[in-house]
């Protein structure tokens, strides 16, 4: 079996049994599933969002429902499929009332995200939404002015496996209540496509 598959499976197994998580009881009480990550283990593009919503936690899969349709539309606009990319979150369990994660919750789950990045070694880390963008730009020590100013900009970073880019943009769910933002998001996604064609 592929080594990356085994490493990612170990992460999944650890999260499934993570009874020390402050969100574990909420998962059990509501019959939710952890949403760990899915897609191509050799993906050049990794999408990182904040946390799973209700439909994601019920299915164990990313981007379900109306927000998922917008995500697929954005992907289609640059001729990518879910099988070609890797999708994950900082927080792997649903947050009560869809609130923002606490510092403790980020501390519990973020090491799994860092491990996923090191295993998959993507060229582009696309952070979807404020929480994911704030977190990744912070740990990468990037001078970042916030998602409303710096969305659609690529930041070159040096990772443990070489050069890669951090690319903040809006979460697809924004398109549900701000339809005009879809145009902006599609423009941002076109820049992702351009990054993929750059010589490394």
C-alpha atoms as a PDB file:
ATOM      1  CA  UNK A   1       0.000   0.000   0.000  1.00  0.00           C
ATOM      2  CA  UNK A   2       1.147   3.563  -0.761  1.00  0.00           C
ATOM      3  CA  UNK A   3       3.124   5.116   2.122  1.00  0.00           C
ATOM      4  CA  UNK A   4       1.205   8.390   1.986  1.00  0.00           C
ATOM      5  CA  UNK A   5      -2.045   6.463   2.209  1.00  0.00           C
ATOM      6  CA  UNK A   6      -0.803   4.702   5.338  1.00  0.00           C
ATOM      7  CA  UNK A   7       0.361   7.938   6.952  1.00  0.00           C
ATOM      8  CA  UNK A   8      -2.932   9.703   6.229  1.00  0.00           C
ATOM      9  CA  UNK A   9      -4.898   6.684   7.445  1.00  0.00           C
ATOM     10  CA  UNK A  10      -2.989   6.840  10.729  1.00  0.00           C
ATOM     11  CA  UNK A  11      -4.041  10.482  11.090  1.00  0.00           C
ATOM     12  CA  UNK A  12      -7.659   9.551  10.360  1.00  0.00           C
ATOM     13  CA  UNK A  13      -7.591   6.716  12.908  1.00  0.00           C
ATOM     14  CA  UNK A  14      -6.103   8.985  15.574  1.00  0.00           C
ATOM     15  CA  UNK A  15      -8.771  11.665  15.003  1.00  0.00           C
ATOM     16  CA  UNK A  16     -11.578   9.096  15.093  1.00  0.00           C
ATOM     17  CA  UNK A  17     -10.414   8.003  18.539  1.00  0.00           C
ATOM     18  CA  UNK A  18      -9.581  11.491  19.810  1.00  0.00           C
ATOM     19  CA  UNK A  19     -11.675  11.323  22.992  1.00  0.00           C
ATOM     20  CA  UNK A  20      -9.506  14.041  24.589  1.00  0.00           C
ATOM     21  CA  UNK A  21     -10.797  16.608  22.070  1.00  0.00           C
ATOM     22  CA  UNK A  22     -13.180  19.226  23.484  1.00  0.00           C
ATOM     23  CA  UNK A  23     -15.436  18.464  20.489  1.00  0.00           C
ATOM     24  CA  UNK A  24     -15.496  14.677  20.892  1.00  0.00           C
ATOM     25  CA  UNK A  25     -18.581  14.556  23.128  1.00  0.00           C
ATOM     26  CA  UNK A  26     -20.452  16.885  20.771  1.00  0.00           C
ATOM     27  CA  UNK A  27     -19.616  14.471  17.940  1.00  0.00           C
ATOM     28  CA  UNK A  28     -20.892  11.437  19.828  1.00  0.00           C
ATOM     29  CA  UNK A  29     -24.058  13.085  21.156  1.00  0.00           C
ATOM     30  CA  UNK A  30     -25.109  14.237  17.676  1.00  0.00           C
ATOM     31  CA  UNK A  31     -24.014  11.138  15.761  1.00  0.00           C
ATOM     32  CA  UNK A  32     -21.549  13.228  13.755  1.00  0.00           C
ATOM     33  CA  UNK A  33     -18.490  11.969  11.905  1.00  0.00           C
ATOM     34  CA  UNK A  34     -15.082  13.632  11.918  1.00  0.00           C
ATOM     35  CA  UNK A  35     -14.239  15.168   8.551  1.00  0.00           C
ATOM     36  CA  UNK A  36     -10.539  14.530   8.232  1.00  0.00           C
ATOM     37  CA  UNK A  37      -9.566  15.096   4.614  1.00  0.00           C
ATOM     38  CA  UNK A  38     -10.049  13.598   1.174  1.00  0.00           C
ATOM     39  CA  UNK A  39      -8.699  13.690  -2.339  1.00  0.00           C
ATOM     40  CA  UNK A  40      -5.446  13.088  -4.152  1.00  0.00           C
ATOM     41  CA  UNK A  41      -2.548  12.201  -1.859  1.00  0.00           C
ATOM     42  CA  UNK A  42      -0.167  13.721  -4.424  1.00  0.00           C
ATOM     43  CA  UNK A  43      -2.250  16.837  -5.055  1.00  0.00           C
ATOM     44  CA  UNK A  44      -0.585  20.049  -6.171  1.00  0.00           C
ATOM     45  CA  UNK A  45      -3.439  22.043  -4.637  1.00  0.00           C
ATOM     46  CA  UNK A  46      -4.682  21.637  -1.073  1.00  0.00           C
ATOM     47  CA  UNK A  47      -7.815  23.461   0.035  1.00  0.00           C
ATOM     48  CA  UNK A  48      -8.002  24.269   3.751  1.00  0.00           C
ATOM     49  CA  UNK A  49     -11.219  25.517   5.336  1.00  0.00           C
ATOM     50  CA  UNK A  50     -12.178  26.167   8.943  1.00  0.00           C
ATOM     51  CA  UNK A  51     -14.396  23.298  10.100  1.00  0.00           C
ATOM     52  CA  UNK A  52     -17.123  20.951   8.835  1.00  0.00           C
ATOM     53  CA  UNK A  53     -20.757  22.044   8.772  1.00  0.00           C
ATOM     54  CA  UNK A  54     -23.808  19.917   9.556  1.00  0.00           C
ATOM     55  CA  UNK A  55     -24.007  18.014   6.255  1.00  0.00           C
ATOM     56  CA  UNK A  56     -20.255  17.453   6.225  1.00  0.00           C
ATOM     57  CA  UNK A  57     -20.352  16.042   9.753  1.00  0.00           C
ATOM     58  CA  UNK A  58     -23.279  13.781   8.885  1.00  0.00           C
ATOM     59  CA  UNK A  59     -21.576  12.350   5.780  1.00  0.00           C
ATOM     60  CA  UNK A  60     -17.902  12.594   6.711  1.00  0.00           C
ATOM     61  CA  UNK A  61     -17.217  14.387   3.409  1.00  0.00           C
ATOM     62  CA  UNK A  62     -16.201  17.927   2.561  1.00  0.00           C
ATOM     63  CA  UNK A  63     -18.335  20.574   0.878  1.00  0.00           C
ATOM     64  CA  UNK A  64     -21.776  19.063   0.845  1.00  0.00           C
ATOM     65  CA  UNK A  65     -25.036  20.933   0.199  1.00  0.00           C
ATOM     66  CA  UNK A  66     -25.316  24.357  -1.420  1.00  0.00           C
ATOM     67  CA  UNK A  67     -21.810  25.499  -0.489  1.00  0.00           C
ATOM     68  CA  UNK A  68     -20.498  22.297  -2.073  1.00  0.00           C
ATOM     69  CA  UNK A  69     -22.206  23.169  -5.346  1.00  0.00           C
ATOM     70  CA  UNK A  70     -20.504  26.557  -5.343  1.00  0.00           C
ATOM     71  CA  UNK A  71     -17.149  24.900  -4.602  1.00  0.00           C
ATOM     72  CA  UNK A  72     -17.659  22.515  -7.531  1.00  0.00           C
ATOM     73  CA  UNK A  73     -18.586  25.445  -9.773  1.00  0.00           C
ATOM     74  CA  UNK A  74     -15.394  27.270  -8.790  1.00  0.00           C
ATOM     75  CA  UNK A  75     -13.339  24.143  -9.407  1.00  0.00           C
ATOM     76  CA  UNK A  76     -14.975  23.589 -12.774  1.00  0.00           C
ATOM     77  CA  UNK A  77     -14.125  27.173 -13.766  1.00  0.00           C
ATOM     78  CA  UNK A  78     -10.424  26.191 -13.735  1.00  0.00           C
ATOM     79  CA  UNK A  79     -10.925  22.630 -14.980  1.00  0.00           C
ATOM     80  CA  UNK A  80     -10.100  20.905 -11.693  1.00  0.00           C
ATOM     81  CA  UNK A  81     -11.961  18.023 -10.099  1.00  0.00           C
ATOM     82  CA  UNK A  82     -12.131  16.896  -6.488  1.00  0.00           C
ATOM     83  CA  UNK A  83     -10.099  13.817  -7.400  1.00  0.00           C
ATOM     84  CA  UNK A  84      -7.173  16.043  -8.431  1.00  0.00           C
ATOM     85  CA  UNK A  85      -6.960  18.119  -5.245  1.00  0.00           C
ATOM     86  CA  UNK A  86      -6.923  17.495  -1.504  1.00  0.00           C
ATOM     87  CA  UNK A  87      -9.516  19.080   0.784  1.00  0.00           C
ATOM     88  CA  UNK A  88      -9.302  19.420   4.545  1.00  0.00           C
ATOM     89  CA  UNK A  89     -10.047  21.719   7.489  1.00  0.00           C
ATOM     90  CA  UNK A  90      -8.127  23.046  10.458  1.00  0.00           C
ATOM     91  CA  UNK A  91     -10.814  21.682  12.810  1.00  0.00           C
ATOM     92  CA  UNK A  92     -11.825  18.119  11.984  1.00  0.00           C
ATOM     93  CA  UNK A  93     -15.071  17.989  14.021  1.00  0.00           C
ATOM     94  CA  UNK A  94     -18.207  20.107  13.809  1.00  0.00           C
ATOM     95  CA  UNK A  95     -18.291  23.107  16.115  1.00  0.00           C
ATOM     96  CA  UNK A  96     -21.461  23.656  18.185  1.00  0.00           C
ATOM     97  CA  UNK A  97     -23.758  26.254  16.590  1.00  0.00           C
ATOM     98  CA  UNK A  98     -21.142  26.798  13.864  1.00  0.00           C
ATOM     99  CA  UNK A  99     -19.240  29.136  16.164  1.00  0.00           C
ATOM    100  CA  UNK A 100     -15.606  30.058  15.608  1.00  0.00           C
ATOM    101  CA  UNK A 101     -13.041  27.644  17.047  1.00  0.00           C
ATOM    102  CA  UNK A 102     -11.336  28.403  20.338  1.00  0.00           C
ATOM    103  CA  UNK A 103      -7.560  28.622  20.705  1.00  0.00           C
ATOM    104  CA  UNK A 104      -7.638  25.289  22.527  1.00  0.00           C
ATOM    105  CA  UNK A 105      -9.523  23.612  19.664  1.00  0.00           C
ATOM    106  CA  UNK A 106      -7.060  24.984  17.118  1.00  0.00           C
ATOM    107  CA  UNK A 107      -4.187  23.693  19.272  1.00  0.00           C
ATOM    108  CA  UNK A 108      -5.762  20.229  19.415  1.00  0.00           C
ATOM    109  CA  UNK A 109      -6.441  19.850  15.692  1.00  0.00           C
ATOM    110  CA  UNK A 110      -3.818  21.968  13.902  1.00  0.00           C
ATOM    111  CA  UNK A 111      -0.959  19.452  14.330  1.00  0.00           C
ATOM    112  CA  UNK A 112      -2.982  17.016  12.186  1.00  0.00           C
ATOM    113  CA  UNK A 113      -3.272  19.659   9.464  1.00  0.00           C
ATOM    114  CA  UNK A 114       0.472  20.333   9.562  1.00  0.00           C
ATOM    115  CA  UNK A 115       1.120  16.594   9.227  1.00  0.00           C
ATOM    116  CA  UNK A 116      -1.260  16.374   6.256  1.00  0.00           C
ATOM    117  CA  UNK A 117       0.589  19.213   4.518  1.00  0.00           C
ATOM    118  CA  UNK A 118       3.983  17.574   5.093  1.00  0.00           C
ATOM    119  CA  UNK A 119       2.727  14.224   3.773  1.00  0.00           C
ATOM    120  CA  UNK A 120       0.975  15.538   0.648  1.00  0.00           C
ATOM    121  CA  UNK A 121       3.516  18.284  -0.143  1.00  0.00           C
ATOM    122  CA  UNK A 122       1.200  20.515  -2.185  1.00  0.00           C
ATOM    123  CA  UNK A 123       2.492  23.338  -4.353  1.00  0.00           C
ATOM    124  CA  UNK A 124      -0.418  25.617  -3.409  1.00  0.00           C
ATOM    125  CA  UNK A 125      -2.181  25.882  -0.057  1.00  0.00           C
ATOM    126  CA  UNK A 126      -5.524  27.571  -0.679  1.00  0.00           C
ATOM    127  CA  UNK A 127      -7.031  28.840   2.574  1.00  0.00           C
ATOM    128  CA  UNK A 128     -10.795  29.283   2.370  1.00  0.00           C
ATOM    129  CA  UNK A 129     -12.175  31.938   4.692  1.00  0.00           C
ATOM    130  CA  UNK A 130     -10.925  34.137   7.530  1.00  0.00           C
ATOM    131  CA  UNK A 131     -10.063  31.550  10.201  1.00  0.00           C
ATOM    132  CA  UNK A 132      -8.006  29.291   7.937  1.00  0.00           C
ATOM    133  CA  UNK A 133      -6.289  32.255   6.279  1.00  0.00           C
ATOM    134  CA  UNK A 134      -5.474  33.965   9.584  1.00  0.00           C
ATOM    135  CA  UNK A 135      -4.057  30.746  11.026  1.00  0.00           C
ATOM    136  CA  UNK A 136      -1.858  29.731   8.086  1.00  0.00           C
ATOM    137  CA  UNK A 137      -0.490  33.220   7.428  1.00  0.00           C
ATOM    138  CA  UNK A 138       0.324  33.499  11.133  1.00  0.00           C
ATOM    139  CA  UNK A 139       2.301  30.253  11.414  1.00  0.00           C
ATOM    140  CA  UNK A 140       4.051  31.004   8.115  1.00  0.00           C
ATOM    141  CA  UNK A 141       5.020  34.469   9.420  1.00  0.00           C
ATOM    142  CA  UNK A 142       3.468  36.254   6.465  1.00  0.00           C
ATOM    143  CA  UNK A 143       2.735  39.962   6.546  1.00  0.00           C
ATOM    144  CA  UNK A 144      -1.006  39.710   6.009  1.00  0.00           C
ATOM    145  CA  UNK A 145      -3.625  42.465   6.089  1.00  0.00           C
ATOM    146  CA  UNK A 146      -6.729  40.280   6.266  1.00  0.00           C
ATOM    147  CA  UNK A 147      -8.826  38.374   3.788  1.00  0.00           C
ATOM    148  CA  UNK A 148     -10.745  41.377   2.459  1.00  0.00           C
ATOM    149  CA  UNK A 149      -7.492  43.039   1.412  1.00  0.00           C
ATOM    150  CA  UNK A 150      -5.208  40.103   0.615  1.00  0.00           C
ATOM    151  CA  UNK A 151      -7.587  37.557  -0.934  1.00  0.00           C
ATOM    152  CA  UNK A 152      -6.390  36.397  -4.318  1.00  0.00           C
ATOM    153  CA  UNK A 153      -2.736  37.138  -3.521  1.00  0.00           C
ATOM    154  CA  UNK A 154      -0.111  34.422  -3.502  1.00  0.00           C
ATOM    155  CA  UNK A 155       2.564  34.361  -0.818  1.00  0.00           C
ATOM    156  CA  UNK A 156       5.678  32.304  -1.496  1.00  0.00           C
ATOM    157  CA  UNK A 157       6.780  30.282   1.512  1.00  0.00           C
ATOM    158  CA  UNK A 158       9.546  27.813   2.232  1.00  0.00           C
ATOM    159  CA  UNK A 159       8.154  24.585   3.592  1.00  0.00           C
ATOM    160  CA  UNK A 160       9.914  21.511   4.934  1.00  0.00           C
ATOM    161  CA  UNK A 161       9.682  20.010   1.427  1.00  0.00           C
ATOM    162  CA  UNK A 162      10.576  23.094  -0.626  1.00  0.00           C
ATOM    163  CA  UNK A 163       8.955  26.125  -2.174  1.00  0.00           C
ATOM    164  CA  UNK A 164       5.191  26.488  -2.146  1.00  0.00           C
ATOM    165  CA  UNK A 165       2.524  29.185  -2.186  1.00  0.00           C
ATOM    166  CA  UNK A 166      -0.100  30.219   0.326  1.00  0.00           C
ATOM    167  CA  UNK A 167      -3.217  31.594  -1.355  1.00  0.00           C
ATOM    168  CA  UNK A 168      -6.029  33.068   0.786  1.00  0.00           C
ATOM    169  CA  UNK A 169      -9.512  33.426  -0.678  1.00  0.00           C
ATOM    170  CA  UNK A 170     -13.112  33.458   0.492  1.00  0.00           C
ATOM    171  CA  UNK A 171     -15.024  30.403   1.662  1.00  0.00           C
ATOM    172  CA  UNK A 172     -17.518  29.187  -0.987  1.00  0.00           C
ATOM    173  CA  UNK A 173     -20.362  29.638   1.524  1.00  0.00           C
ATOM    174  CA  UNK A 174     -19.925  33.412   1.118  1.00  0.00           C
ATOM    175  CA  UNK A 175     -21.501  32.983  -2.306  1.00  0.00           C
ATOM    176  CA  UNK A 176     -24.749  31.845  -0.674  1.00  0.00           C
ATOM    177  CA  UNK A 177     -25.463  35.177   0.970  1.00  0.00           C
ATOM    178  CA  UNK A 178     -23.339  37.454  -1.224  1.00  0.00           C
ATOM    179  CA  UNK A 179     -23.971  36.243  -4.797  1.00  0.00           C
ATOM    180  CA  UNK A 180     -21.908  39.098  -6.228  1.00  0.00           C
ATOM    181  CA  UNK A 181     -18.838  37.626  -4.512  1.00  0.00           C
ATOM    182  CA  UNK A 182     -18.912  34.668  -6.909  1.00  0.00           C
ATOM    183  CA  UNK A 183     -17.311  36.795  -9.607  1.00  0.00           C
ATOM    184  CA  UNK A 184     -14.507  37.747  -7.222  1.00  0.00           C
ATOM    185  CA  UNK A 185     -13.996  34.140  -6.176  1.00  0.00           C
ATOM    186  CA  UNK A 186     -13.827  32.986  -9.794  1.00  0.00           C
ATOM    187  CA  UNK A 187     -11.197  35.636 -10.459  1.00  0.00           C
ATOM    188  CA  UNK A 188      -9.216  34.371  -7.475  1.00  0.00           C
ATOM    189  CA  UNK A 189      -9.507  30.788  -8.719  1.00  0.00           C
ATOM    190  CA  UNK A 190      -8.136  31.838 -12.118  1.00  0.00           C
ATOM    191  CA  UNK A 191      -5.007  32.989 -10.278  1.00  0.00           C
ATOM    192  CA  UNK A 192      -4.723  29.535  -8.709  1.00  0.00           C
ATOM    193  CA  UNK A 193      -4.779  28.100 -12.217  1.00  0.00           C
ATOM    194  CA  UNK A 194      -2.009  30.505 -13.278  1.00  0.00           C
ATOM    195  CA  UNK A 195       0.158  29.469 -10.320  1.00  0.00           C
ATOM    196  CA  UNK A 196      -0.129  25.832 -11.382  1.00  0.00           C
ATOM    197  CA  UNK A 197       1.426  26.622 -14.763  1.00  0.00           C
ATOM    198  CA  UNK A 198       4.385  28.566 -13.377  1.00  0.00           C
ATOM    199  CA  UNK A 199       7.805  26.954 -13.670  1.00  0.00           C
ATOM    200  CA  UNK A 200       9.146  25.927 -10.265  1.00  0.00           C
END
